């Protein structure tokens, strides 16, 4: 049976169907964007401190090289980050994740 939103194209004997989408509700999307603004501010804080402080960058890299994740996270929090964060690292760089309930911001920085 052909769904009601499909129609035949004469004379080609071929059915065209239109996808039916629900009505758009953007309030959750807008809330997510609002939360992301705060995450971006935290990301800017981290980047500003890292670019201004060779000593901080050195401490973070040294802790990462020793696989001291808690130390890396503590050093990142010292930059003034207000929201939850996580980090992972490898010989090429660090991945900093800023977390809020509705959004995430990823900072991927190279150190090699």
PDB file of N, CA and C in Angstrom:
ATOM      1  N   UNK A   1       0.845  -1.178   0.000  1.00  0.00           N
ATOM      2  CA  UNK A   1       0.000   0.000   0.000  1.00  0.00           C
ATOM      3  C   UNK A   1       0.891   1.242   0.000  1.00  0.00           C
ATOM      4  N   UNK A   2       0.521   2.238  -0.748  1.00  0.00           N
ATOM      5  CA  UNK A   2       1.273   3.477  -0.854  1.00  0.00           C
ATOM      6  C   UNK A   2       0.830   4.407   0.276  1.00  0.00           C
ATOM      7  N   UNK A   3       1.791   4.908   1.065  1.00  0.00           N
ATOM      8  CA  UNK A   3       1.422   5.847   2.138  1.00  0.00           C
ATOM      9  C   UNK A   3       0.780   7.104   1.556  1.00  0.00           C
ATOM     10  N   UNK A   4      -0.030   7.819   2.339  1.00  0.00           N
ATOM     11  CA  UNK A   4      -0.771   8.980   1.834  1.00  0.00           C
ATOM     12  C   UNK A   4       0.113  10.143   1.397  1.00  0.00           C
ATOM     13  N   UNK A   5       1.361  10.208   1.831  1.00  0.00           N
ATOM     14  CA  UNK A   5       2.223  11.323   1.442  1.00  0.00           C
ATOM     15  C   UNK A   5       3.058  10.993   0.210  1.00  0.00           C
ATOM     16  N   UNK A   6       2.749   9.874  -0.463  1.00  0.00           N
ATOM     17  CA  UNK A   6       3.435   9.509  -1.700  1.00  0.00           C
ATOM     18  C   UNK A   6       2.485   9.744  -2.879  1.00  0.00           C
ATOM     19  N   UNK A   7       3.045   9.982  -4.042  1.00  0.00           N
ATOM     20  CA  UNK A   7       2.203  10.168  -5.214  1.00  0.00           C
ATOM     21  C   UNK A   7       2.907   9.609  -6.438  1.00  0.00           C
ATOM     22  N   UNK A   8       2.092   9.237  -7.411  1.00  0.00           N
ATOM     23  CA  UNK A   8       2.610   8.691  -8.659  1.00  0.00           C
ATOM     24  C   UNK A   8       2.928   9.821  -9.611  1.00  0.00           C
ATOM     25  N   UNK A   9       4.051   9.690 -10.293  1.00  0.00           N
ATOM     26  CA  UNK A   9       4.404  10.661 -11.333  1.00  0.00           C
ATOM     27  C   UNK A   9       4.014  10.054 -12.681  1.00  0.00           C
ATOM     28  N   UNK A  10       3.009  10.597 -13.330  1.00  0.00           N
ATOM     29  CA  UNK A  10       2.589  10.109 -14.630  1.00  0.00           C
ATOM     30  C   UNK A  10       3.500  10.707 -15.685  1.00  0.00           C
ATOM     31  N   UNK A  11       3.961  10.050 -16.646  1.00  0.00           N
ATOM     32  CA  UNK A  11       3.679   8.674 -17.066  1.00  0.00           C
ATOM     33  C   UNK A  11       4.762   7.688 -16.635  1.00  0.00           C
ATOM     34  N   UNK A  12       5.579   8.019 -15.672  1.00  0.00           N
ATOM     35  CA  UNK A  12       6.774   7.226 -15.380  1.00  0.00           C
ATOM     36  C   UNK A  12       6.546   6.014 -14.485  1.00  0.00           C
ATOM     37  N   UNK A  13       5.413   5.817 -13.962  1.00  0.00           N
ATOM     38  CA  UNK A  13       5.129   4.669 -13.107  1.00  0.00           C
ATOM     39  C   UNK A  13       6.129   4.611 -11.938  1.00  0.00           C
ATOM     40  N   UNK A  14       6.300   5.718 -11.312  1.00  0.00           N
ATOM     41  CA  UNK A  14       7.332   5.795 -10.302  1.00  0.00           C
ATOM     42  C   UNK A  14       6.812   6.652  -9.156  1.00  0.00           C
ATOM     43  N   UNK A  15       7.060   6.218  -7.939  1.00  0.00           N
ATOM     44  CA  UNK A  15       6.490   6.866  -6.762  1.00  0.00           C
ATOM     45  C   UNK A  15       7.500   7.844  -6.149  1.00  0.00           C
ATOM     46  N   UNK A  16       7.031   9.029  -5.871  1.00  0.00           N
ATOM     47  CA  UNK A  16       7.820  10.012  -5.137  1.00  0.00           C
ATOM     48  C   UNK A  16       7.210  10.148  -3.750  1.00  0.00           C
ATOM     49  N   UNK A  17       8.051  10.039  -2.724  1.00  0.00           N
ATOM     50  CA  UNK A  17       7.564  10.180  -1.351  1.00  0.00           C
ATOM     51  C   UNK A  17       8.249  11.369  -0.691  1.00  0.00           C
ATOM     52  N   UNK A  18       7.484  12.078   0.046  1.00  0.00           N
ATOM     53  CA  UNK A  18       8.031  13.192   0.823  1.00  0.00           C
ATOM     54  C   UNK A  18       8.168  12.737   2.265  1.00  0.00           C
ATOM     55  N   UNK A  19       9.326  13.007   2.839  1.00  0.00           N
ATOM     56  CA  UNK A  19       9.541  12.677   4.239  1.00  0.00           C
ATOM     57  C   UNK A  19       8.721  13.629   5.101  1.00  0.00           C
ATOM     58  N   UNK A  20       8.020  13.089   6.061  1.00  0.00           N
ATOM     59  CA  UNK A  20       7.226  13.897   6.965  1.00  0.00           C
ATOM     60  C   UNK A  20       8.009  14.046   8.264  1.00  0.00           C
ATOM     61  N   UNK A  21       8.329  15.275   8.588  1.00  0.00           N
ATOM     62  CA  UNK A  21       9.097  15.565   9.798  1.00  0.00           C
ATOM     63  C   UNK A  21       8.180  16.193  10.833  1.00  0.00           C
ATOM     64  N   UNK A  22       8.479  15.965  12.106  1.00  0.00           N
ATOM     65  CA  UNK A  22       7.671  16.631  13.127  1.00  0.00           C
ATOM     66  C   UNK A  22       7.953  18.128  13.140  1.00  0.00           C
ATOM     67  N   UNK A  23       7.074  18.874  13.721  1.00  0.00           N
ATOM     68  CA  UNK A  23       7.247  20.315  13.864  1.00  0.00           C
ATOM     69  C   UNK A  23       8.535  20.592  14.659  1.00  0.00           C
ATOM     70  N   UNK A  24       9.278  21.590  14.262  1.00  0.00           N
ATOM     71  CA  UNK A  24      10.540  21.931  14.923  1.00  0.00           C
ATOM     72  C   UNK A  24      10.267  22.620  16.249  1.00  0.00           C
ATOM     73  N   UNK A  25      10.949  22.169  17.300  1.00  0.00           N
ATOM     74  CA  UNK A  25      10.890  22.797  18.621  1.00  0.00           C
ATOM     75  C   UNK A  25      12.321  23.131  19.014  1.00  0.00           C
ATOM     76  N   UNK A  26      12.679  24.397  19.015  1.00  0.00           N
ATOM     77  CA  UNK A  26      14.066  24.830  19.168  1.00  0.00           C
ATOM     78  C   UNK A  26      14.456  25.225  20.587  1.00  0.00           C
ATOM     79  N   UNK A  27      13.579  25.077  21.563  1.00  0.00           N
ATOM     80  CA  UNK A  27      13.915  25.561  22.907  1.00  0.00           C
ATOM     81  C   UNK A  27      15.077  24.784  23.519  1.00  0.00           C
ATOM     82  N   UNK A  28      15.121  23.466  23.365  1.00  0.00           N
ATOM     83  CA  UNK A  28      16.241  22.678  23.906  1.00  0.00           C
ATOM     84  C   UNK A  28      17.541  23.044  23.189  1.00  0.00           C
ATOM     85  N   UNK A  29      17.461  23.259  21.890  1.00  0.00           N
ATOM     86  CA  UNK A  29      18.625  23.663  21.101  1.00  0.00           C
ATOM     87  C   UNK A  29      19.151  25.014  21.588  1.00  0.00           C
ATOM     88  N   UNK A  30      18.257  25.951  21.858  1.00  0.00           N
ATOM     89  CA  UNK A  30      18.648  27.270  22.354  1.00  0.00           C
ATOM     90  C   UNK A  30      19.272  27.185  23.740  1.00  0.00           C
ATOM     91  N   UNK A  31      18.710  26.336  24.617  1.00  0.00           N
ATOM     92  CA  UNK A  31      19.295  26.149  25.954  1.00  0.00           C
ATOM     93  C   UNK A  31      20.694  25.556  25.847  1.00  0.00           C
ATOM     94  N   UNK A  32      20.866  24.611  24.934  1.00  0.00           N
ATOM     95  CA  UNK A  32      22.179  24.012  24.713  1.00  0.00           C
ATOM     96  C   UNK A  32      23.181  25.060  24.254  1.00  0.00           C
ATOM     97  N   UNK A  33      22.772  25.926  23.342  1.00  0.00           N
ATOM     98  CA  UNK A  33      23.650  26.990  22.860  1.00  0.00           C
ATOM     99  C   UNK A  33      24.004  27.954  23.989  1.00  0.00           C
ATOM    100  N   UNK A  34      23.058  28.258  24.851  1.00  0.00           N
ATOM    101  CA  UNK A  34      23.317  29.154  25.983  1.00  0.00           C
ATOM    102  C   UNK A  34      24.342  28.535  26.922  1.00  0.00           C
ATOM    103  N   UNK A  35      24.209  27.250  27.220  1.00  0.00           N
ATOM    104  CA  UNK A  35      25.187  26.564  28.065  1.00  0.00           C
ATOM    105  C   UNK A  35      26.551  26.526  27.388  1.00  0.00           C
ATOM    106  N   UNK A  36      26.569  26.341  26.082  1.00  0.00           N
ATOM    107  CA  UNK A  36      27.831  26.282  25.347  1.00  0.00           C
ATOM    108  C   UNK A  36      28.576  27.617  25.416  1.00  0.00           C
ATOM    109  N   UNK A  37      27.852  28.724  25.539  1.00  0.00           N
ATOM    110  CA  UNK A  37      28.518  30.025  25.697  1.00  0.00           C
ATOM    111  C   UNK A  37      29.402  30.030  26.943  1.00  0.00           C
ATOM    112  N   UNK A  38      28.881  29.472  28.035  1.00  0.00           N
ATOM    113  CA  UNK A  38      29.671  29.388  29.255  1.00  0.00           C
ATOM    114  C   UNK A  38      30.863  28.464  29.104  1.00  0.00           C
ATOM    115  N   UNK A  39      30.660  27.371  28.387  1.00  0.00           N
ATOM    116  CA  UNK A  39      31.775  26.449  28.137  1.00  0.00           C
ATOM    117  C   UNK A  39      32.842  27.122  27.288  1.00  0.00           C
ATOM    118  N   UNK A  40      32.417  27.915  26.310  1.00  0.00           N
ATOM    119  CA  UNK A  40      33.376  28.628  25.472  1.00  0.00           C
ATOM    120  C   UNK A  40      34.195  29.616  26.306  1.00  0.00           C
ATOM    121  N   UNK A  41      33.552  30.255  27.263  1.00  0.00           N
ATOM    122  CA  UNK A  41      34.274  31.182  28.143  1.00  0.00           C
ATOM    123  C   UNK A  41      35.326  30.416  28.948  1.00  0.00           C
ATOM    124  N   UNK A  42      34.969  29.239  29.453  1.00  0.00           N
ATOM    125  CA  UNK A  42      35.942  28.411  30.167  1.00  0.00           C
ATOM    126  C   UNK A  42      37.070  27.979  29.240  1.00  0.00           C
ATOM    127  N   UNK A  43      36.736  27.604  28.026  1.00  0.00           N
ATOM    128  CA  UNK A  43      37.758  27.223  27.053  1.00  0.00           C
ATOM    129  C   UNK A  43      38.705  28.371  26.776  1.00  0.00           C
ATOM    130  N   UNK A  44      38.163  29.579  26.662  1.00  0.00           N
ATOM    131  CA  UNK A  44      38.992  30.759  26.429  1.00  0.00           C
ATOM    132  C   UNK A  44      39.907  31.013  27.618  1.00  0.00           C
ATOM    133  N   UNK A  45      39.389  30.784  28.835  1.00  0.00           N
ATOM    134  CA  UNK A  45      40.221  30.937  30.038  1.00  0.00           C
ATOM    135  C   UNK A  45      41.421  29.994  29.994  1.00  0.00           C
ATOM    136  N   UNK A  46      41.162  28.735  29.663  1.00  0.00           N
ATOM    137  CA  UNK A  46      42.240  27.740  29.590  1.00  0.00           C
ATOM    138  C   UNK A  46      43.259  28.153  28.537  1.00  0.00           C
ATOM    139  N   UNK A  47      42.781  28.485  27.350  1.00  0.00           N
ATOM    140  CA  UNK A  47      43.696  28.839  26.263  1.00  0.00           C
ATOM    141  C   UNK A  47      44.520  30.080  26.588  1.00  0.00           C
ATOM    142  N   UNK A  48      43.892  31.066  27.204  1.00  0.00           N
ATOM    143  CA  UNK A  48      44.615  32.284  27.564  1.00  0.00           C
ATOM    144  C   UNK A  48      45.711  31.993  28.580  1.00  0.00           C
ATOM    145  N   UNK A  49      45.381  31.193  29.583  1.00  0.00           N
ATOM    146  CA  UNK A  49      46.382  30.871  30.602  1.00  0.00           C
ATOM    147  C   UNK A  49      47.519  30.037  30.031  1.00  0.00           C
ATOM    148  N   UNK A  50      47.190  29.062  29.183  1.00  0.00           N
ATOM    149  CA  UNK A  50      48.241  28.223  28.595  1.00  0.00           C
ATOM    150  C   UNK A  50      49.154  29.025  27.675  1.00  0.00           C
ATOM    151  N   UNK A  51      48.575  29.936  26.905  1.00  0.00           N
ATOM    152  CA  UNK A  51      49.410  30.713  25.989  1.00  0.00           C
ATOM    153  C   UNK A  51      50.237  31.759  26.728  1.00  0.00           C
ATOM    154  N   UNK A  52      49.783  32.192  27.911  1.00  0.00           N
ATOM    155  CA  UNK A  52      50.500  33.211  28.668  1.00  0.00           C
ATOM    156  C   UNK A  52      51.523  32.640  29.647  1.00  0.00           C
ATOM    157  N   UNK A  53      51.354  31.373  30.033  1.00  0.00           N
ATOM    158  CA  UNK A  53      52.210  30.808  31.073  1.00  0.00           C
ATOM    159  C   UNK A  53      52.956  29.578  30.574  1.00  0.00           C
ATOM    160  N   UNK A  54      54.206  29.790  30.236  1.00  0.00           N
ATOM    161  CA  UNK A  54      55.062  28.669  29.833  1.00  0.00           C
ATOM    162  C   UNK A  54      55.198  27.672  30.984  1.00  0.00           C
ATOM    163  N   UNK A  55      55.247  28.182  32.216  1.00  0.00           N
ATOM    164  CA  UNK A  55      55.395  27.310  33.390  1.00  0.00           C
ATOM    165  C   UNK A  55      54.188  26.380  33.538  1.00  0.00           C
ATOM    166  N   UNK A  56      52.974  26.917  33.359  1.00  0.00           N
ATOM    167  CA  UNK A  56      51.777  26.080  33.458  1.00  0.00           C
ATOM    168  C   UNK A  56      51.761  25.031  32.367  1.00  0.00           C
ATOM    169  N   UNK A  57      52.076  25.423  31.140  1.00  0.00           N
ATOM    170  CA  UNK A  57      52.121  24.465  30.030  1.00  0.00           C
ATOM    171  C   UNK A  57      53.128  23.361  30.330  1.00  0.00           C
ATOM    172  N   UNK A  58      54.279  23.734  30.869  1.00  0.00           N
ATOM    173  CA  UNK A  58      55.317  22.760  31.206  1.00  0.00           C
ATOM    174  C   UNK A  58      54.839  21.798  32.290  1.00  0.00           C
ATOM    175  N   UNK A  59      54.159  22.331  33.319  1.00  0.00           N
ATOM    176  CA  UNK A  59      53.641  21.483  34.399  1.00  0.00           C
ATOM    177  C   UNK A  59      52.613  20.482  33.874  1.00  0.00           C
ATOM    178  N   UNK A  60      51.724  20.942  33.024  1.00  0.00           N
ATOM    179  CA  UNK A  60      50.690  20.050  32.473  1.00  0.00           C
ATOM    180  C   UNK A  60      51.335  18.969  31.616  1.00  0.00           C
ATOM    181  N   UNK A  61      52.261  19.347  30.775  1.00  0.00           N
ATOM    182  CA  UNK A  61      52.932  18.355  29.919  1.00  0.00           C
ATOM    183  C   UNK A  61      53.721  17.345  30.749  1.00  0.00           C
ATOM    184  N   UNK A  62      54.405  17.808  31.787  1.00  0.00           N
ATOM    185  CA  UNK A  62      55.175  16.914  32.652  1.00  0.00           C
ATOM    186  C   UNK A  62      54.262  15.927  33.358  1.00  0.00           C
ATOM    187  N   UNK A  63      53.142  16.415  33.894  1.00  0.00           N
ATOM    188  CA  UNK A  63      52.180  15.532  34.567  1.00  0.00           C
ATOM    189  C   UNK A  63      51.586  14.532  33.583  1.00  0.00           C
ATOM    190  N   UNK A  64      51.270  14.972  32.380  1.00  0.00           N
ATOM    191  CA  UNK A  64      50.706  14.070  31.366  1.00  0.00           C
ATOM    192  C   UNK A  64      51.722  13.006  30.978  1.00  0.00           C
ATOM    193  N   UNK A  65      52.970  13.412  30.824  1.00  0.00           N
ATOM    194  CA  UNK A  65      54.016  12.455  30.451  1.00  0.00           C
ATOM    195  C   UNK A  65      54.186  11.379  31.524  1.00  0.00           C
ATOM    196  N   UNK A  66      53.913  11.740  32.783  1.00  0.00           N
ATOM    197  CA  UNK A  66      53.995  10.789  33.890  1.00  0.00           C
ATOM    198  C   UNK A  66      52.664  10.085  34.129  1.00  0.00           C
ATOM    199  N   UNK A  67      51.693  10.310  33.243  1.00  0.00           N
ATOM    200  CA  UNK A  67      50.360   9.705  33.326  1.00  0.00           C
ATOM    201  C   UNK A  67      49.635  10.068  34.629  1.00  0.00           C
ATOM    202  N   UNK A  68      49.784  11.303  35.057  1.00  0.00           N
ATOM    203  CA  UNK A  68      49.136  11.795  36.279  1.00  0.00           C
ATOM    204  C   UNK A  68      47.901  12.613  35.899  1.00  0.00           C
ATOM    205  N   UNK A  69      46.844  11.906  35.558  1.00  0.00           N
ATOM    206  CA  UNK A  69      45.636  12.573  35.068  1.00  0.00           C
ATOM    207  C   UNK A  69      45.043  13.512  36.109  1.00  0.00           C
ATOM    208  N   UNK A  70      45.008  13.094  37.367  1.00  0.00           N
ATOM    209  CA  UNK A  70      44.438  13.963  38.405  1.00  0.00           C
ATOM    210  C   UNK A  70      45.213  15.269  38.537  1.00  0.00           C
ATOM    211  N   UNK A  71      46.524  15.204  38.396  1.00  0.00           N
ATOM    212  CA  UNK A  71      47.339  16.417  38.448  1.00  0.00           C
ATOM    213  C   UNK A  71      47.041  17.309  37.247  1.00  0.00           C
ATOM    214  N   UNK A  72      46.918  16.702  36.067  1.00  0.00           N
ATOM    215  CA  UNK A  72      46.573  17.475  34.865  1.00  0.00           C
ATOM    216  C   UNK A  72      45.237  18.179  35.058  1.00  0.00           C
ATOM    217  N   UNK A  73      44.240  17.459  35.560  1.00  0.00           N
ATOM    218  CA  UNK A  73      42.922  18.063  35.779  1.00  0.00           C
ATOM    219  C   UNK A  73      42.987  19.175  36.814  1.00  0.00           C
ATOM    220  N   UNK A  74      43.752  18.969  37.893  1.00  0.00           N
ATOM    221  CA  UNK A  74      43.888  20.005  38.919  1.00  0.00           C
ATOM    222  C   UNK A  74      44.545  21.259  38.340  1.00  0.00           C
ATOM    223  N   UNK A  75      45.562  21.078  37.527  1.00  0.00           N
ATOM    224  CA  UNK A  75      46.223  22.233  36.902  1.00  0.00           C
ATOM    225  C   UNK A  75      45.282  22.968  35.953  1.00  0.00           C
ATOM    226  N   UNK A  76      44.479  22.225  35.209  1.00  0.00           N
ATOM    227  CA  UNK A  76      43.506  22.862  34.316  1.00  0.00           C
ATOM    228  C   UNK A  76      42.446  23.620  35.109  1.00  0.00           C
ATOM    229  N   UNK A  77      42.012  23.058  36.246  1.00  0.00           N
ATOM    230  CA  UNK A  77      41.017  23.743  37.078  1.00  0.00           C
ATOM    231  C   UNK A  77      41.574  25.044  37.658  1.00  0.00           C
ATOM    232  N   UNK A  78      42.884  25.093  37.885  1.00  0.00           N
ATOM    233  CA  UNK A  78      43.509  26.296  38.430  1.00  0.00           C
ATOM    234  C   UNK A  78      43.429  27.485  37.473  1.00  0.00           C
ATOM    235  N   UNK A  79      43.080  27.231  36.238  1.00  0.00           N
ATOM    236  CA  UNK A  79      42.951  28.329  35.273  1.00  0.00           C
ATOM    237  C   UNK A  79      41.692  29.151  35.513  1.00  0.00           C
ATOM    238  N   UNK A  80      40.791  28.670  36.365  1.00  0.00           N
ATOM    239  CA  UNK A  80      39.558  29.391  36.654  1.00  0.00           C
ATOM    240  C   UNK A  80      38.337  28.806  35.989  1.00  0.00           C
ATOM    241  N   UNK A  81      38.452  27.597  35.493  1.00  0.00           N
ATOM    242  CA  UNK A  81      37.314  26.929  34.858  1.00  0.00           C
ATOM    243  C   UNK A  81      36.196  26.768  35.882  1.00  0.00           C
ATOM    244  N   UNK A  82      34.984  27.087  35.495  1.00  0.00           N
ATOM    245  CA  UNK A  82      33.838  27.030  36.406  1.00  0.00           C
ATOM    246  C   UNK A  82      32.998  25.777  36.235  1.00  0.00           C
ATOM    247  N   UNK A  83      33.138  25.108  35.109  1.00  0.00           N
ATOM    248  CA  UNK A  83      32.312  23.943  34.827  1.00  0.00           C
ATOM    249  C   UNK A  83      33.136  22.668  34.874  1.00  0.00           C
ATOM    250  N   UNK A  84      32.432  21.548  34.784  1.00  0.00           N
ATOM    251  CA  UNK A  84      33.087  20.237  34.818  1.00  0.00           C
ATOM    252  C   UNK A  84      33.985  20.075  33.599  1.00  0.00           C
ATOM    253  N   UNK A  85      35.111  19.398  33.804  1.00  0.00           N
ATOM    254  CA  UNK A  85      35.988  19.128  32.676  1.00  0.00           C
ATOM    255  C   UNK A  85      36.611  17.754  32.825  1.00  0.00           C
ATOM    256  N   UNK A  86      37.106  17.257  31.716  1.00  0.00           N
ATOM    257  CA  UNK A  86      37.845  16.004  31.675  1.00  0.00           C
ATOM    258  C   UNK A  86      38.967  16.198  30.659  1.00  0.00           C
ATOM    259  N   UNK A  87      39.942  15.312  30.711  1.00  0.00           N
ATOM    260  CA  UNK A  87      41.058  15.420  29.765  1.00  0.00           C
ATOM    261  C   UNK A  87      41.616  14.035  29.495  1.00  0.00           C
ATOM    262  N   UNK A  88      42.144  13.883  28.314  1.00  0.00           N
ATOM    263  CA  UNK A  88      42.912  12.688  27.959  1.00  0.00           C
ATOM    264  C   UNK A  88      44.103  13.191  27.153  1.00  0.00           C
ATOM    265  N   UNK A  89      45.155  12.407  27.143  1.00  0.00           N
ATOM    266  CA  UNK A  89      46.374  12.859  26.477  1.00  0.00           C
ATOM    267  C   UNK A  89      47.126  11.668  25.927  1.00  0.00           C
ATOM    268  N   UNK A  90      47.975  11.957  24.964  1.00  0.00           N
ATOM    269  CA  UNK A  90      48.848  10.952  24.357  1.00  0.00           C
ATOM    270  C   UNK A  90      50.121  11.684  23.934  1.00  0.00           C
ATOM    271  N   UNK A  91      51.072  10.995  23.327  1.00  0.00           N
ATOM    272  CA  UNK A  91      52.330  11.672  22.967  1.00  0.00           C
ATOM    273  C   UNK A  91      52.165  12.847  22.000  1.00  0.00           C
ATOM    274  N   UNK A  92      51.048  12.923  21.287  1.00  0.00           N
ATOM    275  CA  UNK A  92      50.843  14.003  20.328  1.00  0.00           C
ATOM    276  C   UNK A  92      50.198  15.249  20.914  1.00  0.00           C
ATOM    277  N   UNK A  93      49.409  15.091  21.989  1.00  0.00           N
ATOM    278  CA  UNK A  93      48.720  16.258  22.514  1.00  0.00           C
ATOM    279  C   UNK A  93      47.730  15.926  23.595  1.00  0.00           C
ATOM    280  N   UNK A  94      46.873  16.882  23.872  1.00  0.00           N
ATOM    281  CA  UNK A  94      45.878  16.751  24.933  1.00  0.00           C
ATOM    282  C   UNK A  94      44.493  17.071  24.374  1.00  0.00           C
ATOM    283  N   UNK A  95      43.511  16.367  24.889  1.00  0.00           N
ATOM    284  CA  UNK A  95      42.106  16.581  24.539  1.00  0.00           C
ATOM    285  C   UNK A  95      41.406  17.004  25.813  1.00  0.00           C
ATOM    286  N   UNK A  96      40.964  18.246  25.861  1.00  0.00           N
ATOM    287  CA  UNK A  96      40.276  18.797  27.025  1.00  0.00           C
ATOM    288  C   UNK A  96      38.791  18.861  26.682  1.00  0.00           C
ATOM    289  N   UNK A  97      37.965  18.297  27.555  1.00  0.00           N
ATOM    290  CA  UNK A  97      36.516  18.272  27.324  1.00  0.00           C
ATOM    291  C   UNK A  97      35.849  19.109  28.406  1.00  0.00           C
ATOM    292  N   UNK A  98      35.141  20.142  27.996  1.00  0.00           N
ATOM    293  CA  UNK A  98      34.360  20.976  28.903  1.00  0.00           C
ATOM    294  C   UNK A  98      32.922  20.494  28.826  1.00  0.00           C
ATOM    295  N   UNK A  99      32.316  20.244  29.989  1.00  0.00           N
ATOM    296  CA  UNK A  99      31.063  19.494  30.039  1.00  0.00           C
ATOM    297  C   UNK A  99      29.974  20.285  30.761  1.00  0.00           C
ATOM    298  N   UNK A 100      28.808  20.344  30.145  1.00  0.00           N
ATOM    299  CA  UNK A 100      27.594  20.831  30.811  1.00  0.00           C
ATOM    300  C   UNK A 100      26.496  19.808  30.499  1.00  0.00           C
ATOM    301  N   UNK A 101      25.361  19.900  31.169  1.00  0.00           N
ATOM    302  CA  UNK A 101      24.315  18.892  30.945  1.00  0.00           C
ATOM    303  C   UNK A 101      23.837  18.759  29.496  1.00  0.00           C
ATOM    304  N   UNK A 102      23.835  19.865  28.731  1.00  0.00           N
ATOM    305  CA  UNK A 102      23.289  19.826  27.378  1.00  0.00           C
ATOM    306  C   UNK A 102      24.312  19.968  26.270  1.00  0.00           C
ATOM    307  N   UNK A 103      25.576  20.200  26.621  1.00  0.00           N
ATOM    308  CA  UNK A 103      26.556  20.413  25.558  1.00  0.00           C
ATOM    309  C   UNK A 103      27.960  20.059  26.024  1.00  0.00           C
ATOM    310  N   UNK A 104      28.841  19.915  25.062  1.00  0.00           N
ATOM    311  CA  UNK A 104      30.247  19.622  25.306  1.00  0.00           C
ATOM    312  C   UNK A 104      31.077  20.465  24.339  1.00  0.00           C
ATOM    313  N   UNK A 105      32.222  20.912  24.820  1.00  0.00           N
ATOM    314  CA  UNK A 105      33.186  21.606  23.974  1.00  0.00           C
ATOM    315  C   UNK A 105      34.493  20.833  24.093  1.00  0.00           C
ATOM    316  N   UNK A 106      35.108  20.549  22.965  1.00  0.00           N
ATOM    317  CA  UNK A 106      36.374  19.823  22.942  1.00  0.00           C
ATOM    318  C   UNK A 106      37.490  20.770  22.499  1.00  0.00           C
ATOM    319  N   UNK A 107      38.557  20.789  23.262  1.00  0.00           N
ATOM    320  CA  UNK A 107      39.768  21.508  22.876  1.00  0.00           C
ATOM    321  C   UNK A 107      40.822  20.455  22.575  1.00  0.00           C
ATOM    322  N   UNK A 108      41.322  20.446  21.375  1.00  0.00           N
ATOM    323  CA  UNK A 108      42.355  19.501  20.974  1.00  0.00           C
ATOM    324  C   UNK A 108      43.625  20.289  20.710  1.00  0.00           C
ATOM    325  N   UNK A 109      44.621  20.090  21.560  1.00  0.00           N
ATOM    326  CA  UNK A 109      45.861  20.851  21.465  1.00  0.00           C
ATOM    327  C   UNK A 109      47.028  19.897  21.262  1.00  0.00           C
ATOM    328  N   UNK A 110      47.907  20.249  20.360  1.00  0.00           N
ATOM    329  CA  UNK A 110      49.101  19.435  20.078  1.00  0.00           C
ATOM    330  C   UNK A 110      50.268  19.936  20.907  1.00  0.00           C
ATOM    331  N   UNK A 111      51.107  19.005  21.314  1.00  0.00           N
ATOM    332  CA  UNK A 111      52.357  19.411  21.948  1.00  0.00           C
ATOM    333  C   UNK A 111      53.568  18.745  21.329  1.00  0.00           C
ATOM    334  N   UNK A 112      53.371  18.145  20.202  1.00  0.00           N
ATOM    335  CA  UNK A 112      54.523  17.588  19.482  1.00  0.00           C
ATOM    336  C   UNK A 112      54.528  18.098  18.045  1.00  0.00           C
TER     337      UNK A 112
END
